N, C-alpha and C. Protein backbone atom coordinates (compact mmCIF):
# COMPACT_ATOMS: atom_id res chain seq x y z
N UNK A 1 0.84 -1.25 0.13
CA UNK A 1 0.11 -0.02 -0.01
C UNK A 1 0.87 1.15 0.00
N UNK A 2 0.52 2.15 -0.63
CA UNK A 2 1.20 3.48 -0.82
C UNK A 2 0.98 4.31 0.43
N UNK A 3 2.04 4.97 0.88
CA UNK A 3 2.07 5.87 1.91
C UNK A 3 0.83 7.05 1.76
N UNK A 4 0.05 7.43 2.78
CA UNK A 4 -0.91 8.42 2.63
C UNK A 4 -0.07 9.72 2.95
N UNK A 5 -0.07 10.81 2.17
CA UNK A 5 0.75 11.99 2.21
C UNK A 5 -0.12 13.22 1.66
N UNK A 6 -0.43 14.07 2.35
CA UNK A 6 -1.10 15.15 1.97
C UNK A 6 0.20 16.16 1.52
N UNK A 7 0.14 16.64 0.35
CA UNK A 7 1.03 17.70 -0.09
C UNK A 7 0.41 18.78 -0.81
N UNK A 8 0.78 20.10 -0.25
CA UNK A 8 0.32 21.27 -0.79
C UNK A 8 1.33 22.47 -0.92
N UNK A 9 1.18 23.17 -2.02
CA UNK A 9 2.11 24.03 -2.24
C UNK A 9 1.22 25.38 -2.45
N UNK A 10 1.71 26.56 -1.79
CA UNK A 10 1.11 27.79 -2.02
C UNK A 10 2.18 28.83 -2.13
N UNK A 11 1.81 30.01 -2.95
CA UNK A 11 2.76 31.18 -3.06
C UNK A 11 2.09 32.20 -2.10
N UNK A 12 3.08 32.99 -1.38
CA UNK A 12 2.68 34.00 -0.45
C UNK A 12 3.52 35.28 -0.56
N UNK A 13 2.84 36.51 -0.69
CA UNK A 13 3.39 37.73 -1.16
C UNK A 13 3.89 38.20 0.26
N UNK A 14 5.04 37.30 0.76
CA UNK A 14 5.63 37.96 2.03
C UNK A 14 7.17 37.17 2.04
N UNK A 15 8.06 37.75 2.60
CA UNK A 15 9.35 37.11 2.56
C UNK A 15 9.29 35.72 3.43
N UNK A 16 10.42 34.90 3.41
CA UNK A 16 10.25 33.62 4.32
C UNK A 16 10.33 34.13 5.64
N UNK A 17 11.09 35.12 6.18
CA UNK A 17 11.03 35.48 7.45
C UNK A 17 9.74 35.74 8.08
N UNK A 18 8.95 36.48 7.25
CA UNK A 18 7.52 36.83 7.79
C UNK A 18 6.75 35.49 7.79
N UNK A 19 6.69 34.63 6.82
CA UNK A 19 6.00 33.58 6.65
C UNK A 19 6.51 32.76 7.98
N UNK A 20 7.84 32.50 8.15
CA UNK A 20 8.14 31.84 9.52
C UNK A 20 7.70 32.18 10.65
N UNK A 21 7.28 33.41 10.76
CA UNK A 21 6.67 33.95 12.10
C UNK A 21 5.30 33.34 12.15
N UNK A 22 4.57 33.36 10.91
CA UNK A 22 3.27 32.80 10.96
C UNK A 22 3.15 31.42 11.36
N UNK A 23 4.41 30.61 11.07
CA UNK A 23 4.31 29.28 11.35
C UNK A 23 4.96 28.99 12.70
N UNK A 24 5.42 29.89 13.27
CA UNK A 24 6.18 29.63 14.64
C UNK A 24 5.61 30.40 15.92
N UNK A 25 5.29 31.64 15.67
CA UNK A 25 4.86 32.50 16.80
C UNK A 25 3.46 32.55 17.18
N UNK A 26 3.15 32.26 18.42
CA UNK A 26 1.86 31.84 18.87
C UNK A 26 0.74 32.86 18.36
N UNK A 27 1.08 34.32 18.58
CA UNK A 27 0.19 35.24 18.07
C UNK A 27 -0.19 35.15 16.46
N UNK A 28 0.68 34.90 15.90
CA UNK A 28 0.78 34.71 14.40
C UNK A 28 -0.04 33.51 14.03
N UNK A 29 0.45 32.34 14.58
CA UNK A 29 -0.51 31.01 14.28
C UNK A 29 -1.87 31.25 14.80
N UNK A 30 -2.27 31.84 15.83
CA UNK A 30 -3.53 32.18 16.13
C UNK A 30 -4.42 33.11 15.19
N UNK A 31 -3.91 33.64 14.29
CA UNK A 31 -4.61 34.26 13.12
C UNK A 31 -4.95 33.37 12.08
N UNK A 32 -4.20 32.11 11.89
CA UNK A 32 -4.76 31.62 10.81
C UNK A 32 -4.90 29.95 11.24
N UNK A 33 -4.29 29.46 12.18
CA UNK A 33 -4.44 27.98 12.60
C UNK A 33 -4.87 27.99 14.00
N UNK A 34 -4.02 27.32 14.99
CA UNK A 34 -4.22 27.17 16.19
C UNK A 34 -3.27 27.52 16.98
N UNK A 35 -3.59 27.92 18.36
CA UNK A 35 -2.53 28.85 19.18
C UNK A 35 -1.66 27.91 20.17
N UNK A 36 -0.38 27.94 20.02
CA UNK A 36 0.25 27.14 21.03
C UNK A 36 0.58 28.18 22.21
N UNK A 37 1.20 27.66 23.33
CA UNK A 37 1.27 28.72 24.37
C UNK A 37 2.91 29.34 24.30
N UNK A 38 3.69 28.54 23.35
CA UNK A 38 4.95 29.00 23.26
C UNK A 38 5.52 28.94 21.75
N UNK A 39 6.37 29.69 21.49
CA UNK A 39 6.94 29.56 19.99
C UNK A 39 7.48 28.11 19.63
N UNK A 40 7.26 27.76 18.38
CA UNK A 40 7.69 26.49 18.04
C UNK A 40 9.29 26.46 17.79
N UNK A 41 9.95 25.76 18.63
CA UNK A 41 11.23 25.46 18.66
C UNK A 41 11.86 24.31 18.64
N UNK A 42 13.00 23.88 18.00
CA UNK A 42 13.25 22.48 18.02
C UNK A 42 13.35 22.00 19.51
N UNK A 43 12.99 20.57 19.53
CA UNK A 43 13.01 19.90 20.82
C UNK A 43 12.05 20.25 21.89
N UNK A 44 11.12 21.16 21.60
CA UNK A 44 10.07 21.39 22.60
C UNK A 44 8.79 20.54 22.20
N UNK A 45 7.88 20.38 23.24
CA UNK A 45 6.61 19.76 22.95
C UNK A 45 5.73 20.80 22.23
N UNK A 46 4.79 20.27 21.45
CA UNK A 46 3.86 20.92 20.64
C UNK A 46 2.42 20.82 21.24
N UNK A 47 1.82 21.80 21.48
CA UNK A 47 0.37 21.91 22.18
C UNK A 47 -0.13 23.05 21.34
N UNK A 48 -1.23 22.69 20.56
CA UNK A 48 -2.12 23.87 19.94
C UNK A 48 -3.32 23.75 20.44
N UNK A 49 -4.11 24.83 20.84
CA UNK A 49 -5.27 25.22 21.34
C UNK A 49 -6.23 25.88 20.41
N UNK A 50 -7.51 25.56 20.55
CA UNK A 50 -8.52 26.15 19.69
C UNK A 50 -8.61 27.78 20.03
N UNK A 51 -8.55 28.58 19.29
CA UNK A 51 -8.59 29.84 19.51
C UNK A 51 -9.85 30.32 20.21
N UNK A 52 -11.07 29.69 19.82
CA UNK A 52 -12.29 30.00 20.74
C UNK A 52 -12.57 29.09 21.61
N UNK A 53 -12.38 27.91 21.61
CA UNK A 53 -12.70 27.03 22.60
C UNK A 53 -11.70 27.02 23.76
N UNK A 54 -10.30 27.19 23.34
CA UNK A 54 -9.11 26.92 24.45
C UNK A 54 -8.99 25.40 24.57
N UNK A 55 -9.54 24.56 23.73
CA UNK A 55 -9.29 22.99 23.84
C UNK A 55 -8.02 22.85 23.24
N UNK A 56 -7.37 21.89 23.85
CA UNK A 56 -6.27 21.23 23.15
C UNK A 56 -6.56 20.43 21.88
N UNK A 57 -6.16 20.90 20.76
CA UNK A 57 -6.37 20.30 19.39
C UNK A 57 -5.56 19.34 18.93
N UNK A 58 -4.25 19.73 19.02
CA UNK A 58 -3.11 19.02 18.28
C UNK A 58 -1.95 19.13 19.34
N UNK A 59 -1.28 17.93 19.29
CA UNK A 59 -0.20 17.85 20.17
C UNK A 59 0.94 16.91 19.55
N UNK A 60 2.22 17.06 19.98
CA UNK A 60 3.38 16.38 19.15
C UNK A 60 4.62 16.96 19.76
N UNK A 61 5.47 16.87 18.94
CA UNK A 61 6.87 17.46 19.43
C UNK A 61 7.76 18.12 18.15
N UNK A 62 8.23 19.28 18.31
CA UNK A 62 9.00 19.86 17.35
C UNK A 62 10.34 19.23 17.11
N UNK A 63 10.39 18.72 15.95
CA UNK A 63 11.42 17.96 15.63
C UNK A 63 12.72 18.66 14.88
N UNK A 64 12.45 19.81 14.00
CA UNK A 64 13.36 20.69 13.52
C UNK A 64 12.82 21.98 13.28
N UNK A 65 13.60 23.02 13.39
CA UNK A 65 13.14 24.54 13.25
C UNK A 65 14.37 25.09 12.79
N UNK A 66 14.52 25.22 11.44
CA UNK A 66 15.63 25.91 10.81
C UNK A 66 15.14 27.07 10.28
N UNK A 67 15.13 28.17 11.05
CA UNK A 67 14.66 29.52 10.42
C UNK A 67 15.36 30.02 9.29
N UNK A 68 14.70 30.56 8.16
CA UNK A 68 13.41 30.70 7.96
C UNK A 68 13.15 29.69 6.86
N UNK A 69 13.72 28.42 6.75
CA UNK A 69 13.69 27.75 5.60
C UNK A 69 12.94 26.18 5.96
N UNK A 70 12.82 25.78 7.07
CA UNK A 70 12.42 24.16 7.51
C UNK A 70 11.74 24.26 8.70
N UNK A 71 10.46 23.66 8.94
CA UNK A 71 9.93 23.25 10.25
C UNK A 71 9.36 21.93 10.06
N UNK A 72 9.51 21.12 11.03
CA UNK A 72 9.01 19.73 11.09
C UNK A 72 8.57 19.38 12.64
N UNK A 73 7.30 18.99 12.68
CA UNK A 73 6.77 18.45 13.97
C UNK A 73 5.98 17.21 13.75
N UNK A 74 5.89 16.43 15.01
CA UNK A 74 4.92 15.42 14.90
C UNK A 74 3.62 15.94 15.28
N UNK A 75 2.70 15.49 14.86
CA UNK A 75 1.10 15.79 14.79
C UNK A 75 0.34 14.87 15.04
N UNK A 76 -0.58 14.93 16.11
CA UNK A 76 -1.54 14.03 16.59
C UNK A 76 -2.77 14.79 16.89
N UNK A 77 -4.03 14.33 16.59
CA UNK A 77 -5.20 14.82 16.87
C UNK A 77 -6.24 13.62 17.29
N UNK A 78 -7.06 14.10 18.24
CA UNK A 78 -7.87 13.20 18.71
C UNK A 78 -8.43 12.10 17.89
N UNK A 79 -8.83 12.34 16.60
CA UNK A 79 -9.51 11.43 15.74
C UNK A 79 -8.39 10.41 15.23
N UNK A 80 -7.18 10.79 15.55
CA UNK A 80 -6.14 9.58 15.00
C UNK A 80 -5.92 8.77 16.08
N UNK A 81 -6.37 8.70 17.24
CA UNK A 81 -6.10 7.71 18.33
C UNK A 81 -4.72 7.76 18.68
N UNK A 82 -3.87 6.54 18.56
CA UNK A 82 -2.65 6.47 18.98
C UNK A 82 -1.68 6.82 17.72
N UNK A 83 -2.18 7.08 16.50
CA UNK A 83 -1.40 7.41 15.39
C UNK A 83 -0.68 8.59 15.46
N UNK A 84 0.58 8.67 14.91
CA UNK A 84 1.29 9.90 14.92
C UNK A 84 1.74 10.34 13.57
N UNK A 85 1.42 11.35 13.18
CA UNK A 85 1.86 11.82 11.64
C UNK A 85 2.97 12.83 11.81
N UNK A 86 3.52 13.40 10.70
CA UNK A 86 4.62 14.37 10.81
C UNK A 86 4.12 15.45 9.62
N UNK A 87 4.36 16.67 10.23
CA UNK A 87 4.20 17.91 9.45
C UNK A 87 5.44 18.31 8.90
N UNK A 88 5.68 18.63 7.68
CA UNK A 88 6.98 19.44 7.30
C UNK A 88 6.54 20.37 6.43
N UNK A 89 7.07 21.78 6.79
CA UNK A 89 7.10 22.88 5.95
C UNK A 89 8.40 23.16 5.58
N UNK A 90 8.45 23.55 4.32
CA UNK A 90 9.74 24.10 3.61
C UNK A 90 9.45 25.42 2.92
N UNK A 91 10.23 26.37 3.20
CA UNK A 91 9.94 27.83 3.00
C UNK A 91 10.83 28.11 1.74
N UNK A 92 10.63 28.67 0.60
CA UNK A 92 11.66 28.96 -0.27
C UNK A 92 11.37 30.24 -0.80
N UNK A 93 12.40 31.34 -0.81
CA UNK A 93 12.24 32.56 -1.52
C UNK A 93 11.96 32.48 -2.95
N UNK A 94 10.93 33.15 -3.50
CA UNK A 94 10.75 33.31 -4.86
C UNK A 94 10.68 34.75 -5.19
N UNK A 95 10.85 35.02 -6.48
CA UNK A 95 10.60 36.72 -6.86
C UNK A 95 9.23 37.08 -6.15
N UNK A 96 9.24 38.01 -5.59
CA UNK A 96 7.91 38.69 -5.16
C UNK A 96 7.27 38.02 -3.85
N UNK A 97 8.03 36.84 -3.12
CA UNK A 97 7.41 36.35 -1.98
C UNK A 97 8.15 34.91 -1.60
N UNK A 98 7.40 34.05 -1.32
CA UNK A 98 7.68 32.84 -0.57
C UNK A 98 7.00 31.61 -1.27
N UNK A 99 7.59 30.47 -1.62
CA UNK A 99 6.76 29.25 -2.01
C UNK A 99 6.72 28.64 -0.73
N UNK A 100 5.49 28.14 -0.28
CA UNK A 100 5.44 27.16 1.04
C UNK A 100 5.04 26.07 0.72
N UNK A 101 5.69 25.00 1.00
CA UNK A 101 5.38 23.54 0.78
C UNK A 101 5.07 22.76 2.09
N UNK A 102 3.94 21.99 2.06
CA UNK A 102 3.44 21.37 3.40
C UNK A 102 3.53 19.87 2.93
N UNK A 103 4.22 19.11 3.67
CA UNK A 103 4.07 17.60 3.72
C UNK A 103 3.52 17.22 4.78
N UNK A 104 2.48 16.43 4.92
CA UNK A 104 1.82 15.86 5.86
C UNK A 104 1.93 14.20 5.91
N UNK A 105 2.84 13.75 6.57
CA UNK A 105 3.14 12.31 6.27
C UNK A 105 2.88 11.38 7.36
N UNK A 106 2.54 10.12 7.18
CA UNK A 106 2.51 9.16 8.12
C UNK A 106 1.05 8.95 8.68
N UNK A 107 -0.02 9.31 7.70
CA UNK A 107 -1.30 9.41 7.94
C UNK A 107 -1.80 7.96 7.90
N UNK A 108 -2.95 7.68 8.80
CA UNK A 108 -3.40 6.26 8.80
C UNK A 108 -3.92 5.92 7.30
N UNK A 109 -3.82 4.49 6.91
CA UNK A 109 -3.97 4.36 5.54
C UNK A 109 -5.17 3.40 5.49
N UNK A 110 -6.04 3.14 6.43
CA UNK A 110 -7.28 2.19 6.40
C UNK A 110 -8.32 2.80 5.68
N UNK A 111 -9.26 2.02 5.20
CA UNK A 111 -10.33 2.64 4.63
C UNK A 111 -11.20 3.38 5.65
N UNK A 112 -11.27 2.89 6.88
CA UNK A 112 -11.92 3.69 7.88
C UNK A 112 -11.31 4.96 8.20
N UNK A 113 -10.03 4.95 7.91
CA UNK A 113 -9.40 6.58 8.08
C UNK A 113 -9.58 7.49 6.95
N UNK A 114 -10.26 7.05 6.00
CA UNK A 114 -10.38 7.98 4.91
C UNK A 114 -11.08 9.35 5.13
N UNK A 115 -12.03 9.24 5.99
CA UNK A 115 -12.62 10.46 6.46
C UNK A 115 -11.90 11.29 7.16
N UNK A 116 -11.10 10.90 7.90
CA UNK A 116 -9.91 11.62 8.62
C UNK A 116 -8.98 12.35 7.69
N UNK A 117 -8.75 11.59 6.66
CA UNK A 117 -7.79 12.29 5.41
C UNK A 117 -8.49 13.30 4.76
N UNK A 118 -9.66 13.21 4.39
CA UNK A 118 -10.54 14.17 3.57
C UNK A 118 -10.63 15.13 4.54
N UNK A 119 -10.98 15.17 5.91
CA UNK A 119 -11.11 16.29 6.91
C UNK A 119 -9.87 16.97 7.05
N UNK A 120 -8.53 16.40 6.95
CA UNK A 120 -7.42 17.02 7.28
C UNK A 120 -7.09 17.74 5.84
N UNK A 121 -7.31 17.27 4.74
CA UNK A 121 -7.03 17.80 3.48
C UNK A 121 -7.89 19.05 3.37
N UNK A 122 -9.13 18.97 3.54
CA UNK A 122 -9.99 20.12 3.60
C UNK A 122 -9.38 21.30 4.61
N UNK A 123 -9.22 20.86 5.78
CA UNK A 123 -8.78 21.66 6.91
C UNK A 123 -7.53 22.49 6.62
N UNK A 124 -6.50 21.80 5.75
CA UNK A 124 -5.39 22.45 5.44
C UNK A 124 -5.74 23.61 4.47
N UNK A 125 -6.59 23.01 3.54
CA UNK A 125 -7.03 24.07 2.40
C UNK A 125 -7.55 25.35 3.17
N UNK A 126 -8.49 25.31 4.06
CA UNK A 126 -9.13 26.21 4.75
C UNK A 126 -8.10 27.06 5.43
N UNK A 127 -7.32 26.46 6.33
CA UNK A 127 -6.14 27.11 6.88
C UNK A 127 -5.35 28.13 5.97
N UNK A 128 -5.06 27.33 4.88
CA UNK A 128 -4.00 28.32 3.95
C UNK A 128 -4.85 29.48 3.50
N UNK A 129 -6.28 29.26 3.13
CA UNK A 129 -6.92 30.53 2.83
C UNK A 129 -7.09 31.64 4.05
N UNK A 130 -6.98 31.23 5.14
CA UNK A 130 -6.95 32.11 6.09
C UNK A 130 -5.58 32.75 6.24
N UNK A 131 -4.48 32.09 6.09
CA UNK A 131 -3.06 32.40 6.04
C UNK A 131 -2.76 33.33 5.04
N UNK A 132 -3.21 33.25 3.88
CA UNK A 132 -3.14 34.12 2.72
C UNK A 132 -3.76 35.46 3.14
N UNK A 133 -5.06 35.51 3.69
CA UNK A 133 -5.72 36.70 4.13
C UNK A 133 -4.89 37.36 5.25
N UNK A 134 -4.54 36.62 6.13
CA UNK A 134 -3.65 37.16 7.24
C UNK A 134 -2.48 37.98 6.84
N UNK A 135 -1.59 37.31 5.94
CA UNK A 135 -0.36 37.78 5.43
C UNK A 135 -0.57 38.70 4.58
N UNK A 136 -1.46 38.73 3.61
CA UNK A 136 -1.58 39.75 2.56
C UNK A 136 -2.33 41.06 3.17
N UNK A 137 -3.01 40.97 4.11
CA UNK A 137 -3.78 42.10 4.64
C UNK A 137 -2.48 42.90 5.42
N UNK A 138 -1.41 42.18 5.87
CA UNK A 138 -0.42 43.06 6.62
C UNK A 138 0.79 43.31 5.70
N UNK A 139 0.83 43.02 4.44
CA UNK A 139 2.02 43.22 3.62
C UNK A 139 1.57 44.16 2.46
N UNK A 140 2.36 45.13 2.14
CA UNK A 140 2.20 46.04 1.26
C UNK A 140 1.95 45.49 -0.04
N UNK A 141 0.95 46.01 -1.05
CA UNK A 141 1.07 45.38 -2.28
C UNK A 141 2.06 45.78 -3.27
């Protein structure tokens, strides 16, 4: 069976340094994703909370954080049970902004888990739309 990987690429009108802040800083993450209690740095635990509910939604460990080019962390949500996946972010400077690549690997591969895969796939799309809005509203055109 082929590994289940979600892969997404978006282009953002912001420098890699600015995009990095939106991937690692609590206040910036809260604008488009979920809010951790502390900045994401290598070796630290990862806990992200709902911005309105305050509930723990995502947990794991920050594996690598090489500013402003690469961030990797383990990723678990309640519907995954004991399964642990890995989220990898790669930031590349391009003319006019940043190319942001997401790889979400190690997802469950059973037919029963397909609904979770669909939910995560849609969730990343929705969050990317919010990230674009947050970044582009703060960056001069």
